[in-house]
Protein backbone atom coordinates (compact mmCIF):
# COMPACT_ATOMS: atom_id res chain seq x y z
CA MET A 1 -55.60 -31.35 -56.20
CA SER A 2 -52.41 -32.57 -57.94
CA ALA A 3 -50.42 -35.77 -57.47
CA GLY A 4 -47.68 -33.80 -55.74
CA MET A 5 -50.17 -32.72 -53.06
CA ILE A 6 -50.97 -36.27 -51.99
CA PRO A 7 -49.26 -37.02 -48.65
CA ALA A 8 -46.31 -39.37 -48.92
CA THR A 9 -46.97 -40.70 -45.45
CA ALA A 10 -50.08 -41.16 -43.41
CA ASN A 11 -50.59 -41.31 -39.66
CA ALA A 12 -46.98 -40.31 -38.98
CA PRO A 13 -45.92 -41.22 -35.47
CA GLY A 14 -45.13 -38.72 -32.76
CA SER A 15 -42.23 -36.36 -32.45
CA LEU A 16 -38.54 -37.19 -32.29
CA GLN A 17 -38.60 -36.09 -28.66
CA ARG A 18 -41.16 -38.76 -27.82
CA LEU A 19 -39.11 -41.30 -29.78
CA LEU A 20 -35.98 -40.60 -27.73
CA ALA A 21 -37.99 -40.55 -24.50
CA HIS A 22 -39.25 -44.12 -24.96
CA PRO A 23 -37.42 -46.23 -22.32
CA LEU A 24 -36.92 -49.31 -24.51
CA ILE A 25 -35.63 -47.22 -27.42
CA LEU A 26 -33.36 -45.28 -25.09
CA ILE A 27 -31.86 -48.37 -23.42
CA GLY A 28 -31.66 -50.46 -26.58
CA GLY A 29 -30.32 -47.58 -28.66
CA THR A 30 -27.64 -46.84 -26.07
CA ILE A 31 -26.48 -50.48 -26.08
CA VAL A 32 -26.49 -50.68 -29.87
CA ALA A 33 -24.67 -47.36 -30.26
CA THR A 34 -22.05 -48.33 -27.66
CA VAL A 35 -21.33 -51.69 -29.32
CA ALA A 36 -21.17 -50.05 -32.75
CA LEU A 37 -18.82 -47.34 -31.47
CA LEU A 38 -16.51 -49.93 -29.87
CA ALA A 39 -16.47 -51.90 -33.12
CA VAL A 40 -15.65 -48.85 -35.25
CA LEU A 41 -12.91 -47.69 -32.86
CA ALA A 42 -11.45 -51.17 -32.33
CA PRO A 43 -8.15 -50.45 -34.16
CA TRP A 44 -7.52 -47.48 -31.86
CA ILE A 45 -8.78 -48.77 -28.49
CA ALA A 46 -7.74 -52.44 -28.64
CA PRO A 47 -4.73 -52.75 -26.29
CA TYR A 48 -3.17 -55.61 -28.28
CA ASP A 49 -3.06 -57.05 -31.77
CA PRO A 50 -5.95 -59.59 -31.80
CA THR A 51 -3.82 -62.18 -33.64
CA ASN A 52 -0.58 -61.64 -31.70
CA ILE A 53 0.64 -64.83 -29.98
CA ASP A 54 2.43 -64.49 -26.63
CA VAL A 55 3.33 -67.82 -25.03
CA SER A 56 4.36 -66.09 -21.80
CA VAL A 57 0.74 -65.24 -20.90
CA ILE A 58 -1.13 -68.35 -22.06
CA LEU A 59 -4.48 -68.76 -20.27
CA MET A 60 -3.90 -65.76 -18.02
CA PRO A 61 -7.07 -64.92 -16.05
CA PRO A 62 -8.58 -61.41 -16.18
CA SER A 63 -6.20 -58.79 -14.80
CA TRP A 64 -5.26 -55.15 -15.22
CA GLN A 65 -2.89 -56.23 -17.99
CA HIS A 66 -5.50 -58.32 -19.84
CA TRP A 67 -9.00 -57.21 -18.85
CA CYS A 68 -10.75 -60.32 -20.20
CA GLY A 69 -7.82 -62.71 -19.86
CA THR A 70 -5.97 -64.53 -22.63
CA ASP A 71 -6.59 -67.69 -24.64
CA THR A 72 -4.61 -70.86 -25.28
CA LEU A 73 -2.18 -68.99 -27.54
CA GLY A 74 -1.74 -66.00 -25.25
CA ARG A 75 -3.89 -63.68 -27.37
CA ASP A 76 -5.76 -60.91 -25.57
CA ILE A 77 -9.46 -61.80 -25.47
CA PHE A 78 -10.65 -58.21 -24.99
CA SER A 79 -8.89 -57.14 -28.20
CA ARG A 80 -10.27 -60.15 -30.06
CA MET A 81 -13.79 -59.34 -28.85
CA LEU A 82 -13.51 -55.76 -30.11
CA TYR A 83 -12.50 -56.96 -33.56
CA GLY A 84 -15.11 -59.72 -33.36
CA ALA A 85 -17.77 -57.04 -32.86
CA ARG A 86 -16.83 -55.61 -36.26
CA VAL A 87 -17.48 -58.99 -37.87
CA SER A 88 -20.78 -59.62 -36.10
CA LEU A 89 -22.21 -56.18 -36.82
CA ALA A 90 -21.04 -56.24 -40.45
CA VAL A 91 -22.77 -59.58 -40.96
CA GLY A 92 -25.93 -58.25 -39.31
CA PHE A 93 -26.19 -55.09 -41.39
CA VAL A 94 -25.22 -56.59 -44.75
CA ALA A 95 -27.38 -59.71 -44.34
CA VAL A 96 -30.39 -57.67 -43.26
CA GLY A 97 -29.77 -55.25 -46.14
CA ILE A 98 -29.93 -58.14 -48.62
CA SER A 99 -33.05 -59.62 -47.02
CA LEU A 100 -34.75 -56.19 -46.98
CA LEU A 101 -34.00 -55.61 -50.65
CA ILE A 102 -35.50 -58.96 -51.69
CA GLY A 103 -38.40 -58.82 -49.24
CA LEU A 104 -39.37 -55.26 -50.14
CA MET A 105 -39.46 -55.97 -53.86
CA LEU A 106 -41.41 -59.23 -53.63
CA GLY A 107 -43.78 -58.00 -50.92
CA ALA A 108 -44.48 -54.74 -52.75
CA VAL A 109 -45.26 -56.47 -56.03
CA ALA A 110 -47.44 -59.11 -54.35
CA GLY A 111 -49.35 -56.60 -52.23
CA TYR A 112 -49.96 -54.10 -55.02
CA ALA A 113 -50.67 -56.49 -57.89
CA GLY A 114 -52.86 -58.92 -55.95
CA GLY A 115 -54.63 -61.77 -57.74
CA ARG A 116 -52.56 -64.52 -59.32
CA THR A 117 -49.28 -62.62 -58.92
CA ASP A 118 -49.87 -62.30 -55.19
CA ALA A 119 -50.88 -65.97 -54.87
CA MET A 120 -47.87 -67.21 -56.83
CA LEU A 121 -45.32 -65.11 -54.90
CA MET A 122 -46.80 -65.96 -51.51
CA ARG A 123 -46.93 -69.69 -52.25
CA ALA A 124 -43.26 -69.53 -53.23
CA THR A 125 -42.56 -67.69 -49.98
CA ASP A 126 -44.47 -70.35 -48.01
CA MET A 127 -42.40 -73.07 -49.64
CA VAL A 128 -39.15 -71.41 -48.58
CA LEU A 129 -40.55 -70.96 -45.06
CA CYS A 130 -41.06 -74.74 -44.83
CA PHE A 131 -37.31 -75.22 -44.58
CA PRO A 132 -35.70 -74.63 -41.15
CA THR A 133 -33.64 -71.49 -41.80
CA PHE A 134 -30.56 -72.40 -39.76
CA PHE A 135 -30.29 -75.88 -41.28
CA LEU A 136 -30.82 -74.41 -44.75
CA ILE A 137 -27.92 -72.05 -44.08
CA LEU A 138 -25.80 -74.96 -42.83
CA ALA A 139 -26.56 -76.94 -45.98
CA VAL A 140 -25.56 -74.06 -48.26
CA ILE A 141 -22.44 -73.11 -46.27
CA ALA A 142 -21.28 -76.74 -46.36
CA PHE A 143 -20.79 -76.46 -50.14
CA LEU A 144 -19.08 -73.06 -50.04
CA GLU A 145 -15.71 -71.89 -48.84
CA PRO A 146 -16.10 -70.52 -45.29
CA SER A 147 -15.80 -66.74 -45.53
CA ILE A 148 -17.44 -63.69 -44.06
CA TRP A 149 -18.91 -62.65 -47.42
CA ASN A 150 -20.48 -66.05 -48.03
CA ILE A 151 -22.06 -65.90 -44.58
CA MET A 152 -23.51 -62.44 -45.22
CA ILE A 153 -24.97 -63.43 -48.58
CA VAL A 154 -26.39 -66.77 -47.44
CA ILE A 155 -28.04 -65.31 -44.33
CA GLY A 156 -29.55 -62.52 -46.43
CA LEU A 157 -30.84 -64.89 -49.11
CA THR A 158 -32.50 -67.15 -46.53
CA SER A 159 -34.16 -64.53 -44.30
CA TRP A 160 -36.27 -62.34 -46.61
CA MET A 161 -39.55 -64.22 -46.23
CA GLY A 162 -40.80 -62.41 -43.12
CA VAL A 163 -40.12 -59.02 -44.68
CA ALA A 164 -41.96 -59.99 -47.86
CA ARG A 165 -45.05 -61.13 -45.97
CA LEU A 166 -44.99 -58.02 -43.78
CA VAL A 167 -44.70 -55.61 -46.72
CA ARG A 168 -47.40 -57.46 -48.63
CA ALA A 169 -49.80 -57.21 -45.68
CA GLU A 170 -49.09 -53.48 -45.29
CA PHE A 171 -49.65 -52.85 -48.99
CA LEU A 172 -52.95 -54.73 -48.96
CA SER A 173 -54.13 -52.55 -46.08
CA LEU A 174 -52.84 -49.27 -47.50
CA ARG A 175 -54.44 -49.86 -50.91
CA GLN A 176 -57.81 -49.15 -49.31
CA ARG A 177 -56.83 -45.70 -47.97
CA GLU A 178 -58.37 -42.53 -49.37
CA PHE A 179 -55.09 -40.93 -50.43
CA ILE A 180 -54.26 -44.00 -52.54
CA HIS A 181 -57.64 -43.82 -54.27
CA ALA A 182 -56.99 -40.13 -54.88
CA ALA A 183 -53.60 -40.90 -56.43
CA GLN A 184 -55.17 -43.55 -58.66
CA GLY A 185 -57.79 -41.09 -59.78
CA LEU A 186 -55.04 -38.66 -60.77
CA GLY A 187 -53.39 -41.29 -62.94
CA VAL A 188 -50.27 -41.95 -60.85
CA SER A 189 -48.28 -44.83 -62.38
CA PRO A 190 -48.13 -48.17 -60.49
CA ILE A 191 -44.37 -47.90 -59.89
CA ARG A 192 -44.66 -44.37 -58.53
CA MET A 193 -47.66 -45.44 -56.46
CA MET A 194 -45.66 -48.22 -54.82
CA TRP A 195 -42.41 -46.38 -54.13
CA ARG A 196 -43.74 -42.86 -53.53
CA TYR A 197 -46.96 -43.42 -51.59
CA LEU A 198 -47.31 -47.03 -50.39
CA LEU A 199 -43.77 -47.94 -49.33
CA PRO A 200 -43.10 -44.89 -47.09
CA ASN A 201 -46.25 -45.72 -45.12
CA ALA A 202 -45.17 -49.35 -44.70
CA MET A 203 -41.64 -48.58 -43.49
CA GLY A 204 -42.48 -48.45 -39.77
CA PRO A 205 -43.08 -52.21 -39.34
CA VAL A 206 -40.30 -52.93 -41.85
CA LEU A 207 -37.82 -50.93 -39.76
CA VAL A 208 -38.82 -52.91 -36.66
CA SER A 209 -38.34 -56.16 -38.58
CA ALA A 210 -34.91 -54.99 -39.79
CA VAL A 211 -33.70 -54.14 -36.28
CA LEU A 212 -34.84 -57.51 -34.93
CA GLY A 213 -33.32 -59.17 -38.01
CA ILE A 214 -29.87 -57.79 -37.16
CA ALA A 215 -30.08 -59.49 -33.76
CA GLY A 216 -31.00 -62.75 -35.46
CA ALA A 217 -28.15 -62.43 -37.96
CA VAL A 218 -25.65 -61.86 -35.14
CA LEU A 219 -26.85 -65.06 -33.48
CA VAL A 220 -26.68 -67.03 -36.73
CA GLU A 221 -23.13 -65.82 -37.48
CA SER A 222 -22.04 -66.66 -33.94
CA GLY A 223 -23.58 -70.12 -34.26
CA LEU A 224 -21.88 -70.78 -37.61
CA SER A 225 -18.51 -69.60 -36.30
CA PHE A 226 -18.99 -71.73 -33.18
CA LEU A 227 -19.51 -74.75 -35.44
CA GLY A 228 -16.42 -73.88 -37.47
CA LEU A 229 -18.40 -72.88 -40.59
CA GLY A 230 -18.11 -69.13 -40.16
CA VAL A 231 -15.15 -66.82 -39.68
CA GLN A 232 -11.98 -68.89 -39.67
CA PRO A 233 -9.12 -68.45 -37.16
CA PRO A 234 -6.93 -66.54 -36.63
CA ASP A 235 -9.51 -63.87 -37.56
CA PRO A 236 -11.62 -63.27 -34.45
CA SER A 237 -15.38 -63.48 -34.09
CA TRP A 238 -17.47 -64.01 -31.00
CA GLY A 239 -18.46 -67.47 -32.19
CA ASN A 240 -14.96 -68.85 -32.74
CA ILE A 241 -13.77 -67.35 -29.44
CA LEU A 242 -16.55 -69.37 -27.79
CA THR A 243 -15.41 -72.48 -29.66
CA GLU A 244 -11.92 -72.14 -28.22
CA GLY A 245 -13.40 -71.49 -24.79
CA LYS A 246 -15.61 -74.58 -24.64
CA ASP A 247 -12.57 -76.89 -24.71
CA ASN A 248 -11.06 -75.11 -21.72
CA ILE A 249 -14.15 -74.07 -19.79
CA GLN A 250 -13.09 -75.84 -16.59
CA ILE A 251 -9.72 -74.09 -16.38
CA ALA A 252 -10.38 -70.87 -18.34
CA TRP A 253 -13.98 -69.80 -17.70
CA TRP A 254 -13.29 -66.28 -19.01
CA MET A 255 -12.85 -67.56 -22.57
CA SER A 256 -16.52 -68.50 -22.69
CA MET A 257 -18.09 -65.97 -20.34
CA PHE A 258 -16.98 -62.70 -21.92
CA PRO A 259 -17.83 -63.43 -25.58
CA GLY A 260 -21.09 -65.01 -24.39
CA LEU A 261 -21.95 -61.83 -22.50
CA ALA A 262 -21.06 -59.75 -25.58
CA ILE A 263 -23.52 -61.74 -27.70
CA LEU A 264 -26.18 -61.57 -24.98
CA ILE A 265 -25.89 -57.80 -24.48
CA THR A 266 -25.78 -57.02 -28.20
CA VAL A 267 -28.80 -59.16 -29.06
CA LEU A 268 -30.66 -57.78 -26.03
CA GLY A 269 -29.93 -54.23 -27.20
CA TYR A 270 -31.33 -54.86 -30.69
CA ASN A 271 -34.37 -56.65 -29.28
CA LEU A 272 -35.12 -53.79 -26.87
CA LEU A 273 -34.67 -51.25 -29.66
CA GLY A 274 -36.94 -53.28 -31.94
CA GLU A 275 -39.66 -53.61 -29.30
CA GLY A 276 -39.45 -49.90 -28.55
CA LEU A 277 -39.80 -49.01 -32.24
CA ARG A 278 -42.75 -51.38 -32.50
CA ASP A 279 -44.50 -49.50 -29.68
CA TYR A 280 -43.62 -46.18 -31.30
CA PHE A 281 -44.94 -47.03 -34.76
CA ASP A 282 -48.05 -48.95 -33.64
CA PRO A 283 -50.90 -46.48 -33.00
CA LYS A 284 -52.71 -49.07 -30.86
CA LEU A 285 -49.80 -49.13 -28.39
CA ARG A 286 -49.16 -45.43 -28.15
CA SER A 287 -49.98 -43.82 -24.87
């Protein structure tokens, strides 16, 4: 038996047909895909320029002309929400990408090396976990210029700990499998062992964590923008649309309701998709 004959994955989940038939994956995936499609097509389907000011339609309620109404400067809220979706999803994907990169590397090294290396990396991870993530992000953002790139980087650099612990736990479990012992007996190098044989088998739970992490990043970005520390006007994001709406909630309810629903539906979609993937990848929960 050669190293190339050792399976790259073990206990692979069921077929793609069963994946698409899972109700949570189907519902969550449909919501996520719809929001992503609207965000990508925003320049073509937005009826108005999201930053265009029209004083003749200030605080106009929802109508056929403006489906979600207008704000205090006469800007179309539906158009601003479409462009805001681009911001929220970009933050989610980039921030989670950064956290995955850091978490995968640290978790893989800790889980494979074990011993003092594992103890040192996990104690460092525990120390970072002691800080409330949102307040840590607020503290860092307060010293930086508010920008979408700073938000992406800061969220990614402060949310890798869960991924690292998850990958480390998976590696510790997988190290005891027969195909890993076989690879070791054939003299496979540690780096190849980690990235060719261990990591592919650990990607199921990591994928679930990544999907749920996007939902969390969307909420964090919305919260920062709501507090005025995120995307700065006139550029739209769901959070700063909510900020404008809270000052006029008694006379312009639509300014708060529609972006709030957008955040709710998007986060719900990612959470449903994540839960469905968790069921799909967990052999104990498969029917």
